[in-house]
Amino acid sequence: MDYQKLFESGVNQEAVKAWRAQGKKAIGYICCHVPVEIFEAMDIMPVRLRATDCTESPDADTWMSTFSCSHARGMLQYWMNGTYELDGLVTSDGCMMAARCFDNAEYQDKNINKKNLFFKEIGAPRMYKTNSLARAYYVEEIKGLVKDLEEFTGTKLDNEKLKTVIGKYNEVRALIREIYELRKADKPVISGEDCLKITLSYGDYPVDEYIEMLKAFLADAKNRAPIETGRARLMLIGSAMDNPGYLKVIEDKGGLFVNDAICHGSRPFAYDLEIKGDLIESIADYYLGRILCPRMLDNRVELQKMIVDTCKEFKVDGVVYQKMQYCECWGGESLFLEPDLKAIGVPMLQVEREEHLANAGQLAIRAEAFVEMIEK
């Protein structure tokens, strides 16, 4: 199995076109609180929208506020210019920017383009462990999504098939965790840039094809040369990061990313979905209970502890905290996290950025200074 497609970081729609050519549906989704297992169980290919390589967004800028993050505007631009050709779009209210991207896409296609596409926004509560109503609410939201998808596709959700699909996605999660284990080595065989490319590819392929490529990569990993140039082991945290170029700039200056806490990286794969009784309730528990990002108000302390524990486990020398300008979720987390990192002797580099890497030179200078500071 040729796994090289895993490293094509640009938005790849070839698998989507092949899927739709069979008469099947492919639906985009924004944010990690959309249960992709339900899509696949209904023969719908889930495609996670991103804005990788979007250098300008003139169409989206017309529709979205200048105070919207450039990641959301980039996704809307790709939706408007035809980079994504899909049968619909689903989002959760994961953050305000994702919701505005969805709103504008829906309005245009329903009222201007007159397309008969599927649009659905589900509510994901921001409290789970400390609010007894949150789980019940989210369960009903998922049931509403299932009902609407059944009406749109004419296909009923089959519980046995859903169980099988959950098993496949758990296999993906386990394989990704194996890849992350490779990064514990003193001289890993995979860079942070390449690892991010692999996790970004998750949203571009059907689950079966993705599994086979991951297995092929892991089988060949022993033949890859160890990375000798890393002078400082780094962890990447912060806003949605779908541009591996940012990591390359820092790694070219002697940094080596050995782990992350980002939603396009490790976070969607960190835990398996356990079936405990009712399938929909199990899905709800998984998507609300996992440690993902600061949007969940009652697991912020656990998120910070996870970052600190990962630093210890992967022998991290420094943390790169990147936040998208106007990022609602990650805007001020450094205030809470920095004291915990200082307590274990791990410095933090804070970088405010846009979707497009326009300041590579400045980032390179700051990265080199950060690496040198760690070495001293």
Foldseek 3Di string as FASTA:
>chain_A
DDLCQLQPLDQDQPQVVVLVVVVAFEEEEEDDLDQCLQCVLQSYQYFYFWQAPPPDQVPLPVQDPPLAAQGLSSSLSCLVVVVDDGQYYEYEPLDPSVVSSLVVSVCCVVPPVVDPGDYYYFYQDLEDPVDPVRLVRRLVSVVVVQVSVCVVPVTHRDPVSSVVSLVLVLLVLVLLVVQLVQLLDPFRLDFPLSQLSNLSCVNRHGSVVNSVSSVVCVVCSVVGDTHDQALFEEEEEEEAASYSVLVVLLVVLRHTYSYYQYQSHNQSSVDRQDDDPDPSSSSSCVSNVGDHFQSRPVCLVVNLVVVLVVCVSSVGQEYEYEYTRSDPGGPPSCVVNVVVCVVVNYYYHYHYDGRDPPPSVVSNVSSNVVSVVSND
